[in-house]
PDB file of all heavy atoms in Angstrom:
ATOM      1  N   ALA A   1       0.945   0.496  -6.699  1.00  0.00           N
ATOM      2  CA  ALA A   1       2.087  -0.087  -7.272  1.00  0.00           C
ATOM      3  C   ALA A   1       2.542   0.631  -8.529  1.00  0.00           C
ATOM      4  O   ALA A   1       3.478   0.185  -9.209  1.00  0.00           O
ATOM      5  CB  ALA A   1       1.834  -1.576  -7.609  1.00  0.00           C
ATOM      6  N   GLY A   2       1.896   1.783  -8.855  1.00  0.00           N
ATOM      7  CA  GLY A   2       2.230   2.508 -10.066  1.00  0.00           C
ATOM      8  C   GLY A   2       1.674   1.858 -11.291  1.00  0.00           C
ATOM      9  O   GLY A   2       1.045   0.797 -11.273  1.00  0.00           O
ATOM     10  N   TYR A   3       1.947   2.488 -12.465  1.00  0.00           N
ATOM     11  CA  TYR A   3       1.471   1.972 -13.718  1.00  0.00           C
ATOM     12  C   TYR A   3       2.137   0.633 -14.070  1.00  0.00           C
ATOM     13  O   TYR A   3       1.453  -0.331 -14.369  1.00  0.00           O
ATOM     14  CB  TYR A   3       1.657   3.015 -14.798  1.00  0.00           C
ATOM     15  CG  TYR A   3       0.935   2.644 -16.102  1.00  0.00           C
ATOM     16  CD1 TYR A   3      -0.455   2.608 -16.154  1.00  0.00           C
ATOM     17  CD2 TYR A   3       1.617   2.429 -17.284  1.00  0.00           C
ATOM     18  CE1 TYR A   3      -1.117   2.314 -17.331  1.00  0.00           C
ATOM     19  CE2 TYR A   3       0.966   2.107 -18.479  1.00  0.00           C
ATOM     20  CZ  TYR A   3      -0.405   2.066 -18.496  1.00  0.00           C
ATOM     21  OH  TYR A   3      -1.086   1.738 -19.669  1.00  0.00           O
ATOM     22  N   ALA A   4       3.449   0.608 -14.015  1.00  0.00           N
ATOM     23  CA  ALA A   4       4.186  -0.539 -14.337  1.00  0.00           C
ATOM     24  C   ALA A   4       3.840  -1.692 -13.370  1.00  0.00           C
ATOM     25  O   ALA A   4       3.591  -2.875 -13.734  1.00  0.00           O
ATOM     26  CB  ALA A   4       5.690  -0.296 -14.295  1.00  0.00           C
ATOM     27  N   GLY A   5       3.780  -1.396 -12.067  1.00  0.00           N
ATOM     28  CA  GLY A   5       3.510  -2.371 -11.052  1.00  0.00           C
ATOM     29  C   GLY A   5       2.078  -2.920 -11.202  1.00  0.00           C
ATOM     30  O   GLY A   5       1.828  -4.094 -10.940  1.00  0.00           O
ATOM     31  N   GLY A   6       1.176  -2.048 -11.562  1.00  0.00           N
ATOM     32  CA  GLY A   6      -0.199  -2.493 -11.767  1.00  0.00           C
ATOM     33  C   GLY A   6      -0.363  -3.490 -12.907  1.00  0.00           C
ATOM     34  O   GLY A   6      -1.017  -4.512 -12.732  1.00  0.00           O
ATOM     35  N   ILE A   7       0.309  -3.221 -14.021  1.00  0.00           N
ATOM     36  CA  ILE A   7       0.234  -4.144 -15.122  1.00  0.00           C
ATOM     37  C   ILE A   7       0.859  -5.485 -14.758  1.00  0.00           C
ATOM     38  O   ILE A   7       0.385  -6.567 -15.038  1.00  0.00           O
ATOM     39  CB  ILE A   7       0.833  -3.549 -16.378  1.00  0.00           C
ATOM     40  CG1 ILE A   7       0.070  -2.261 -16.820  1.00  0.00           C
ATOM     41  CG2 ILE A   7       0.857  -4.593 -17.557  1.00  0.00           C
ATOM     42  CD1 ILE A   7       0.749  -1.512 -17.944  1.00  0.00           C
ATOM     43  N   ALA A   8       2.047  -5.382 -14.174  1.00  0.00           N
ATOM     44  CA  ALA A   8       2.806  -6.587 -13.739  1.00  0.00           C
ATOM     45  C   ALA A   8       2.018  -7.431 -12.760  1.00  0.00           C
ATOM     46  O   ALA A   8       2.099  -8.645 -12.804  1.00  0.00           O
ATOM     47  CB  ALA A   8       4.119  -6.161 -13.174  1.00  0.00           C
ATOM     48  N   ALA A   9       1.222  -6.759 -11.926  1.00  0.00           N
ATOM     49  CA  ALA A   9       0.478  -7.496 -10.886  1.00  0.00           C
ATOM     50  C   ALA A   9      -0.523  -8.469 -11.454  1.00  0.00           C
ATOM     51  O   ALA A   9      -0.898  -9.446 -10.829  1.00  0.00           O
ATOM     52  CB  ALA A   9      -0.169  -6.527  -9.950  1.00  0.00           C
ATOM     53  N   VAL A  10      -1.029  -8.200 -12.679  1.00  0.00           N
ATOM     54  CA  VAL A  10      -2.114  -9.042 -13.214  1.00  0.00           C
ATOM     55  C   VAL A  10      -1.652  -9.809 -14.522  1.00  0.00           C
ATOM     56  O   VAL A  10      -2.481 -10.455 -15.089  1.00  0.00           O
ATOM     57  CB  VAL A  10      -3.348  -8.209 -13.517  1.00  0.00           C
ATOM     58  CG1 VAL A  10      -3.938  -7.619 -12.271  1.00  0.00           C
ATOM     59  CG2 VAL A  10      -3.093  -7.110 -14.570  1.00  0.00           C
ATOM     60  N   LEU A  11      -0.396  -9.622 -14.876  1.00  0.00           N
ATOM     61  CA  LEU A  11       0.067 -10.257 -16.116  1.00  0.00           C
ATOM     62  C   LEU A  11      -0.162 -11.802 -16.092  1.00  0.00           C
ATOM     63  O   LEU A  11      -0.547 -12.404 -17.110  1.00  0.00           O
ATOM     64  CB  LEU A  11       1.496  -9.948 -16.427  1.00  0.00           C
ATOM     65  CG  LEU A  11       2.038 -10.471 -17.750  1.00  0.00           C
ATOM     66  CD1 LEU A  11       1.196  -9.902 -18.927  1.00  0.00           C
ATOM     67  CD2 LEU A  11       3.545 -10.092 -17.935  1.00  0.00           C
ATOM     68  N   ASP A  12       0.036 -12.423 -14.919  1.00  0.00           N
ATOM     69  CA  ASP A  12      -0.178 -13.847 -14.857  1.00  0.00           C
ATOM     70  C   ASP A  12      -1.625 -14.209 -15.005  1.00  0.00           C
ATOM     71  O   ASP A  12      -1.941 -15.439 -15.251  1.00  0.00           O
ATOM     72  CB  ASP A  12       0.356 -14.379 -13.516  1.00  0.00           C
ATOM     73  CG  ASP A  12       1.874 -14.425 -13.432  1.00  0.00           C
ATOM     74  OD1 ASP A  12       2.526 -14.326 -14.547  1.00  0.00           O
ATOM     75  OD2 ASP A  12       2.450 -14.550 -12.357  1.00  0.00           O
ATOM     76  N   ASP A  13      -2.561 -13.299 -14.794  1.00  0.00           N
ATOM     77  CA  ASP A  13      -3.958 -13.566 -14.892  1.00  0.00           C
ATOM     78  C   ASP A  13      -4.459 -13.440 -16.324  1.00  0.00           C
ATOM     79  O   ASP A  13      -5.634 -13.798 -16.627  1.00  0.00           O
ATOM     80  CB  ASP A  13      -4.783 -12.592 -14.041  1.00  0.00           C
ATOM     81  CG  ASP A  13      -4.436 -12.744 -12.546  1.00  0.00           C
ATOM     82  OD1 ASP A  13      -4.148 -13.883 -12.118  1.00  0.00           O
ATOM     83  OD2 ASP A  13      -4.478 -11.719 -11.839  1.00  0.00           O
ATOM     84  N   VAL A  14      -3.642 -12.937 -17.234  1.00  0.00           N
ATOM     85  CA  VAL A  14      -4.062 -12.748 -18.633  1.00  0.00           C
ATOM     86  C   VAL A  14      -3.949 -14.105 -19.328  1.00  0.00           C
ATOM     87  O   VAL A  14      -2.853 -14.688 -19.468  1.00  0.00           O
ATOM     88  CB  VAL A  14      -3.174 -11.708 -19.321  1.00  0.00           C
ATOM     89  CG1 VAL A  14      -3.498 -11.598 -20.806  1.00  0.00           C
ATOM     90  CG2 VAL A  14      -3.380 -10.347 -18.643  1.00  0.00           C
ATOM     91  N   ASP A  15      -5.070 -14.576 -19.865  1.00  0.00           N
ATOM     92  CA  ASP A  15      -5.072 -15.893 -20.580  1.00  0.00           C
ATOM     93  C   ASP A  15      -5.404 -15.714 -22.051  1.00  0.00           C
ATOM     94  O   ASP A  15      -5.785 -16.727 -22.728  1.00  0.00           O
ATOM     95  CB  ASP A  15      -6.067 -16.840 -19.858  1.00  0.00           C
ATOM     96  CG  ASP A  15      -7.485 -16.289 -19.852  1.00  0.00           C
ATOM     97  OD1 ASP A  15      -7.696 -15.167 -20.373  1.00  0.00           O
ATOM     98  OD2 ASP A  15      -8.314 -16.971 -19.239  1.00  0.00           O
ATOM     99  N   THR A  16      -5.291 -14.534 -22.588  1.00  0.00           N
ATOM    100  CA  THR A  16      -5.506 -14.263 -23.998  1.00  0.00           C
ATOM    101  C   THR A  16      -4.216 -14.146 -24.747  1.00  0.00           C
ATOM    102  O   THR A  16      -3.139 -14.051 -24.152  1.00  0.00           O
ATOM    103  CB  THR A  16      -6.343 -12.998 -24.186  1.00  0.00           C
ATOM    104  OG1 THR A  16      -5.718 -11.912 -23.421  1.00  0.00           O
ATOM    105  CG2 THR A  16      -7.765 -13.183 -23.719  1.00  0.00           C
ATOM    106  N   GLU A  17      -4.291 -14.159 -26.078  1.00  0.00           N
ATOM    107  CA  GLU A  17      -3.095 -14.116 -26.906  1.00  0.00           C
ATOM    108  C   GLU A  17      -2.401 -12.718 -26.797  1.00  0.00           C
ATOM    109  O   GLU A  17      -1.173 -12.623 -26.872  1.00  0.00           O
ATOM    110  CB  GLU A  17      -3.520 -14.366 -28.366  1.00  0.00           C
ATOM    111  CG  GLU A  17      -2.414 -14.306 -29.390  1.00  0.00           C
ATOM    112  CD  GLU A  17      -2.937 -14.539 -30.804  1.00  0.00           C
ATOM    113  OE1 GLU A  17      -4.183 -14.702 -30.968  1.00  0.00           O
ATOM    114  OE2 GLU A  17      -2.123 -14.576 -31.734  1.00  0.00           O
ATOM    115  N   PHE A  18      -3.243 -11.669 -26.667  1.00  0.00           N
ATOM    116  CA  PHE A  18      -2.752 -10.293 -26.647  1.00  0.00           C
ATOM    117  C   PHE A  18      -3.126  -9.605 -25.294  1.00  0.00           C
ATOM    118  O   PHE A  18      -4.087  -9.993 -24.667  1.00  0.00           O
ATOM    119  CB  PHE A  18      -3.296  -9.441 -27.762  1.00  0.00           C
ATOM    120  CG  PHE A  18      -3.095  -9.995 -29.133  1.00  0.00           C
ATOM    121  CD1 PHE A  18      -4.133  -9.891 -30.082  1.00  0.00           C
ATOM    122  CD2 PHE A  18      -1.949 -10.685 -29.489  1.00  0.00           C
ATOM    123  CE1 PHE A  18      -3.987 -10.379 -31.364  1.00  0.00           C
ATOM    124  CE2 PHE A  18      -1.793 -11.177 -30.791  1.00  0.00           C
ATOM    125  CZ  PHE A  18      -2.792 -11.036 -31.717  1.00  0.00           C
ATOM    126  N   VAL A  19      -2.289  -8.663 -24.913  1.00  0.00           N
ATOM    127  CA  VAL A  19      -2.632  -7.810 -23.751  1.00  0.00           C
ATOM    128  C   VAL A  19      -2.489  -6.366 -24.194  1.00  0.00           C
ATOM    129  O   VAL A  19      -1.468  -5.979 -24.777  1.00  0.00           O
ATOM    130  CB  VAL A  19      -1.754  -8.110 -22.483  1.00  0.00           C
ATOM    131  CG1 VAL A  19      -0.284  -7.868 -22.773  1.00  0.00           C
ATOM    132  CG2 VAL A  19      -2.216  -7.319 -21.327  1.00  0.00           C
ATOM    133  N   ALA A  20      -3.476  -5.551 -23.854  1.00  0.00           N
ATOM    134  CA  ALA A  20      -3.412  -4.071 -24.143  1.00  0.00           C
ATOM    135  C   ALA A  20      -3.155  -3.348 -22.865  1.00  0.00           C
ATOM    136  O   ALA A  20      -3.640  -3.695 -21.794  1.00  0.00           O
ATOM    137  CB  ALA A  20      -4.735  -3.638 -24.741  1.00  0.00           C
ATOM    138  N   TRP A  21      -2.286  -2.356 -23.004  1.00  0.00           N
ATOM    139  CA  TRP A  21      -2.091  -1.379 -21.893  1.00  0.00           C
ATOM    140  C   TRP A  21      -2.837  -0.153 -22.270  1.00  0.00           C
ATOM    141  O   TRP A  21      -2.686   0.403 -23.354  1.00  0.00           O
ATOM    142  CB  TRP A  21      -0.600  -1.008 -21.764  1.00  0.00           C
ATOM    143  CG  TRP A  21       0.364  -2.122 -21.497  1.00  0.00           C
ATOM    144  CD1 TRP A  21       0.092  -3.468 -21.531  1.00  0.00           C
ATOM    145  CD2 TRP A  21       1.751  -1.982 -21.274  1.00  0.00           C
ATOM    146  NE1 TRP A  21       1.255  -4.166 -21.243  1.00  0.00           N
ATOM    147  CE2 TRP A  21       2.279  -3.265 -21.090  1.00  0.00           C
ATOM    148  CE3 TRP A  21       2.617  -0.890 -21.183  1.00  0.00           C
ATOM    149  CZ2 TRP A  21       3.611  -3.512 -20.863  1.00  0.00           C
ATOM    150  CZ3 TRP A  21       3.975  -1.109 -20.935  1.00  0.00           C
ATOM    151  CH2 TRP A  21       4.474  -2.398 -20.782  1.00  0.00           C
ATOM    152  N   LEU A  22      -3.703   0.356 -21.359  1.00  0.00           N
ATOM    153  CA  LEU A  22      -4.485   1.534 -21.659  1.00  0.00           C
ATOM    154  C   LEU A  22      -4.577   2.436 -20.417  1.00  0.00           C
ATOM    155  O   LEU A  22      -5.015   1.959 -19.344  1.00  0.00           O
ATOM    156  CB  LEU A  22      -5.904   1.164 -22.111  1.00  0.00           C
ATOM    157  CG  LEU A  22      -6.753   2.309 -22.572  1.00  0.00           C
ATOM    158  CD1 LEU A  22      -6.221   3.018 -23.801  1.00  0.00           C
ATOM    159  CD2 LEU A  22      -8.226   1.834 -22.825  1.00  0.00           C
ATOM    160  N   ASN A  23      -4.138   3.674 -20.537  1.00  0.00           N
ATOM    161  CA  ASN A  23      -4.270   4.647 -19.425  1.00  0.00           C
ATOM    162  C   ASN A  23      -5.739   4.867 -19.123  1.00  0.00           C
ATOM    163  O   ASN A  23      -6.600   4.832 -19.990  1.00  0.00           O
ATOM    164  CB  ASN A  23      -3.661   5.949 -19.831  1.00  0.00           C
ATOM    165  CG  ASN A  23      -2.148   5.948 -19.692  1.00  0.00           C
ATOM    166  OD1 ASN A  23      -1.516   4.957 -19.399  1.00  0.00           O
ATOM    167  ND2 ASN A  23      -1.552   7.149 -19.884  1.00  0.00           N
ATOM    168  N   ASP A  24      -5.962   5.093 -17.839  1.00  0.00           N
ATOM    169  CA  ASP A  24      -7.379   5.344 -17.411  1.00  0.00           C
ATOM    170  C   ASP A  24      -7.931   6.679 -17.887  1.00  0.00           C
ATOM    171  O   ASP A  24      -9.113   6.963 -17.820  1.00  0.00           O
ATOM    172  CB  ASP A  24      -7.560   5.179 -15.899  1.00  0.00           C
ATOM    173  CG  ASP A  24      -6.804   6.239 -15.125  1.00  0.00           C
ATOM    174  OD1 ASP A  24      -5.987   7.005 -15.654  1.00  0.00           O
ATOM    175  OD2 ASP A  24      -7.050   6.355 -13.871  1.00  0.00           O
ATOM    176  N   ASP A  25      -7.007   7.548 -18.372  1.00  0.00           N
ATOM    177  CA  ASP A  25      -7.447   8.866 -18.891  1.00  0.00           C
ATOM    178  C   ASP A  25      -7.424   8.919 -20.436  1.00  0.00           C
ATOM    179  O   ASP A  25      -7.357   9.985 -21.004  1.00  0.00           O
ATOM    180  CB  ASP A  25      -6.653  10.015 -18.297  1.00  0.00           C
ATOM    181  CG  ASP A  25      -5.155   9.889 -18.572  1.00  0.00           C
ATOM    182  OD1 ASP A  25      -4.748   8.860 -19.178  1.00  0.00           O
ATOM    183  OD2 ASP A  25      -4.388  10.799 -18.170  1.00  0.00           O
ATOM    184  N   ALA A  26      -7.460   7.733 -21.065  1.00  0.00           N
ATOM    185  CA  ALA A  26      -7.481   7.661 -22.523  1.00  0.00           C
ATOM    186  C   ALA A  26      -8.809   7.019 -22.928  1.00  0.00           C
ATOM    187  O   ALA A  26      -9.210   6.037 -22.330  1.00  0.00           O
ATOM    188  CB  ALA A  26      -6.320   6.820 -23.015  1.00  0.00           C
ATOM    189  N   VAL A  27      -9.420   7.577 -23.961  1.00  0.00           N
ATOM    190  CA  VAL A  27     -10.708   7.069 -24.503  1.00  0.00           C
ATOM    191  C   VAL A  27     -10.400   6.610 -25.895  1.00  0.00           C
ATOM    192  O   VAL A  27     -10.214   7.407 -26.817  1.00  0.00           O
ATOM    193  CB  VAL A  27     -11.778   8.168 -24.499  1.00  0.00           C
ATOM    194  CG1 VAL A  27     -13.087   7.578 -25.001  1.00  0.00           C
ATOM    195  CG2 VAL A  27     -11.968   8.710 -23.060  1.00  0.00           C
ATOM    196  N   PRO A  28     -10.453   5.298 -26.143  1.00  0.00           N
ATOM    197  CA  PRO A  28     -10.150   4.755 -27.489  1.00  0.00           C
ATOM    198  C   PRO A  28     -11.294   4.931 -28.468  1.00  0.00           C
ATOM    199  O   PRO A  28     -12.449   4.793 -28.049  1.00  0.00           O
ATOM    200  CB  PRO A  28      -9.874   3.269 -27.222  1.00  0.00           C
ATOM    201  CG  PRO A  28     -10.667   2.971 -25.966  1.00  0.00           C
ATOM    202  CD  PRO A  28     -10.715   4.233 -25.171  1.00  0.00           C
ATOM    203  N   ALA A  29     -10.983   5.138 -29.714  1.00  0.00           N
ATOM    204  CA  ALA A  29     -11.980   5.163 -30.784  1.00  0.00           C
ATOM    205  C   ALA A  29     -12.523   3.751 -30.964  1.00  0.00           C
ATOM    206  O   ALA A  29     -11.806   2.740 -30.615  1.00  0.00           O
ATOM    207  CB  ALA A  29     -11.391   5.656 -32.079  1.00  0.00           C
ATOM    208  N   PRO A  30     -13.709   3.565 -31.513  1.00  0.00           N
ATOM    209  CA  PRO A  30     -14.300   2.233 -31.626  1.00  0.00           C
ATOM    210  C   PRO A  30     -13.439   1.208 -32.356  1.00  0.00           C
ATOM    211  O   PRO A  30     -13.528   0.027 -32.125  1.00  0.00           O
ATOM    212  CB  PRO A  30     -15.629   2.478 -32.330  1.00  0.00           C
ATOM    213  CG  PRO A  30     -15.953   3.885 -31.961  1.00  0.00           C
ATOM    214  CD  PRO A  30     -14.656   4.619 -31.907  1.00  0.00           C
ATOM    215  N   ASP A  31     -12.628   1.663 -33.317  1.00  0.00           N
ATOM    216  CA  ASP A  31     -11.814   0.702 -34.111  1.00  0.00           C
ATOM    217  C   ASP A  31     -10.369   0.639 -33.625  1.00  0.00           C
ATOM    218  O   ASP A  31      -9.466   0.048 -34.290  1.00  0.00           O
ATOM    219  CB  ASP A  31     -11.857   1.050 -35.634  1.00  0.00           C
ATOM    220  CG  ASP A  31     -11.370   2.475 -35.858  1.00  0.00           C
ATOM    221  OD1 ASP A  31     -11.040   3.191 -34.886  1.00  0.00           O
ATOM    222  OD2 ASP A  31     -11.345   2.867 -37.045  1.00  0.00           O
ATOM    223  N   TRP A  32     -10.139   1.189 -32.447  1.00  0.00           N
ATOM    224  CA  TRP A  32      -8.758   1.181 -31.857  1.00  0.00           C
ATOM    225  C   TRP A  32      -8.177  -0.206 -31.749  1.00  0.00           C
ATOM    226  O   TRP A  32      -7.106  -0.473 -32.271  1.00  0.00           O
ATOM    227  CB  TRP A  32      -8.840   1.888 -30.498  1.00  0.00           C
ATOM    228  CG  TRP A  32      -7.638   1.719 -29.604  1.00  0.00           C
ATOM    229  CD1 TRP A  32      -6.484   2.485 -29.687  1.00  0.00           C
ATOM    230  CD2 TRP A  32      -7.511   0.857 -28.454  1.00  0.00           C
ATOM    231  NE1 TRP A  32      -5.605   2.055 -28.688  1.00  0.00           N
ATOM    232  CE2 TRP A  32      -6.203   1.142 -27.933  1.00  0.00           C
ATOM    233  CE3 TRP A  32      -8.307  -0.104 -27.873  1.00  0.00           C
ATOM    234  CZ2 TRP A  32      -5.730   0.426 -26.812  1.00  0.00           C
ATOM    235  CZ3 TRP A  32      -7.820  -0.778 -26.773  1.00  0.00           C
ATOM    236  CH2 TRP A  32      -6.544  -0.531 -26.244  1.00  0.00           C
ATOM    237  N   LEU A  33      -8.877  -1.078 -31.133  1.00  0.00           N
ATOM    238  CA  LEU A  33      -8.390  -2.434 -30.892  1.00  0.00           C
ATOM    239  C   LEU A  33      -8.319  -3.216 -32.215  1.00  0.00           C
ATOM    240  O   LEU A  33      -7.323  -3.960 -32.396  1.00  0.00           O
ATOM    241  CB  LEU A  33      -9.299  -3.199 -29.914  1.00  0.00           C
ATOM    242  CG  LEU A  33      -8.854  -4.560 -29.513  1.00  0.00           C
ATOM    243  CD1 LEU A  33      -7.423  -4.587 -28.948  1.00  0.00           C
ATOM    244  CD2 LEU A  33      -9.831  -5.205 -28.552  1.00  0.00           C
ATOM    245  N   ALA A  34      -9.211  -3.001 -33.102  1.00  0.00           N
ATOM    246  CA  ALA A  34      -9.182  -3.751 -34.397  1.00  0.00           C
ATOM    247  C   ALA A  34      -7.890  -3.431 -35.145  1.00  0.00           C
ATOM    248  O   ALA A  34      -7.216  -4.308 -35.667  1.00  0.00           O
ATOM    249  CB  ALA A  34     -10.376  -3.361 -35.210  1.00  0.00           C
ATOM    250  N   HIS A  35      -7.524  -2.177 -35.235  1.00  0.00           N
ATOM    251  CA  HIS A  35      -6.288  -1.784 -35.933  1.00  0.00           C
ATOM    252  C   HIS A  35      -5.059  -2.362 -35.253  1.00  0.00           C
ATOM    253  O   HIS A  35      -4.095  -2.782 -35.916  1.00  0.00           O
ATOM    254  CB  HIS A  35      -6.188  -0.286 -36.024  1.00  0.00           C
ATOM    255  CG  HIS A  35      -7.192   0.354 -36.959  1.00  0.00           C
ATOM    256  ND1 HIS A  35      -7.323  -0.029 -38.262  1.00  0.00           N
ATOM    257  CD2 HIS A  35      -8.029   1.399 -36.789  1.00  0.00           C
ATOM    258  CE1 HIS A  35      -8.255   0.689 -38.851  1.00  0.00           C
ATOM    259  NE2 HIS A  35      -8.726   1.552 -37.967  1.00  0.00           N
ATOM    260  N   LEU A  36      -5.030  -2.364 -33.907  1.00  0.00           N
ATOM    261  CA  LEU A  36      -3.874  -2.857 -33.202  1.00  0.00           C
ATOM    262  C   LEU A  36      -3.788  -4.385 -33.350  1.00  0.00           C
ATOM    263  O   LEU A  36      -2.661  -4.934 -33.589  1.00  0.00           O
ATOM    264  CB  LEU A  36      -3.983  -2.508 -31.733  1.00  0.00           C
ATOM    265  CG  LEU A  36      -3.815  -1.025 -31.386  1.00  0.00           C
ATOM    266  CD1 LEU A  36      -3.941  -0.820 -29.891  1.00  0.00           C
ATOM    267  CD2 LEU A  36      -2.494  -0.472 -31.819  1.00  0.00           C
ATOM    268  N   GLU A  37      -4.879  -5.101 -33.292  1.00  0.00           N
ATOM    269  CA  GLU A  37      -4.821  -6.563 -33.499  1.00  0.00           C
ATOM    270  C   GLU A  37      -4.365  -6.892 -34.891  1.00  0.00           C
ATOM    271  O   GLU A  37      -3.582  -7.849 -35.119  1.00  0.00           O
ATOM    272  CB  GLU A  37      -6.219  -7.187 -33.212  1.00  0.00           C
ATOM    273  CG  GLU A  37      -6.594  -7.271 -31.774  1.00  0.00           C
ATOM    274  CD  GLU A  37      -7.842  -8.079 -31.522  1.00  0.00           C
ATOM    275  OE1 GLU A  37      -8.587  -8.346 -32.471  1.00  0.00           O
ATOM    276  OE2 GLU A  37      -8.085  -8.485 -30.358  1.00  0.00           O
ATOM    277  N   ASP A  38      -4.827  -6.141 -35.888  1.00  0.00           N
ATOM    278  CA  ASP A  38      -4.402  -6.388 -37.261  1.00  0.00           C
ATOM    279  C   ASP A  38      -2.861  -6.199 -37.385  1.00  0.00           C
ATOM    280  O   ASP A  38      -2.204  -6.938 -38.131  1.00  0.00           O
ATOM    281  CB  ASP A  38      -5.076  -5.419 -38.231  1.00  0.00           C
ATOM    282  CG  ASP A  38      -6.551  -5.734 -38.385  1.00  0.00           C
ATOM    283  OD1 ASP A  38      -6.999  -6.856 -37.974  1.00  0.00           O
ATOM    284  OD2 ASP A  38      -7.332  -4.908 -38.971  1.00  0.00           O
ATOM    285  N   ALA A  39      -2.306  -5.214 -36.647  1.00  0.00           N
ATOM    286  CA  ALA A  39      -0.865  -4.995 -36.752  1.00  0.00           C
ATOM    287  C   ALA A  39      -0.087  -6.153 -36.180  1.00  0.00           C
ATOM    288  O   ALA A  39       0.973  -6.568 -36.694  1.00  0.00           O
ATOM    289  CB  ALA A  39      -0.515  -3.708 -36.032  1.00  0.00           C
ATOM    290  N   LEU A  40      -0.591  -6.748 -35.072  1.00  0.00           N
ATOM    291  CA  LEU A  40       0.074  -7.908 -34.520  1.00  0.00           C
ATOM    292  C   LEU A  40      -0.108  -9.125 -35.391  1.00  0.00           C
ATOM    293  O   LEU A  40       0.816  -9.955 -35.561  1.00  0.00           O
ATOM    294  CB  LEU A  40      -0.401  -8.167 -33.070  1.00  0.00           C
ATOM    295  CG  LEU A  40       0.423  -7.465 -31.982  1.00  0.00           C
ATOM    296  CD1 LEU A  40       0.528  -6.022 -32.158  1.00  0.00           C
ATOM    297  CD2 LEU A  40      -0.141  -7.854 -30.619  1.00  0.00           C
TER     298      LEU A  40
END
């Protein structure tokens, strides 16, 4: 379904306040999510 279709396919299953999109060829630094949550 592509990248957009893949995220859309599971959006209804997300029951948290935030949702992150992450490419499968990206490796996040350990504080990646912390900085993003702080921004929101």
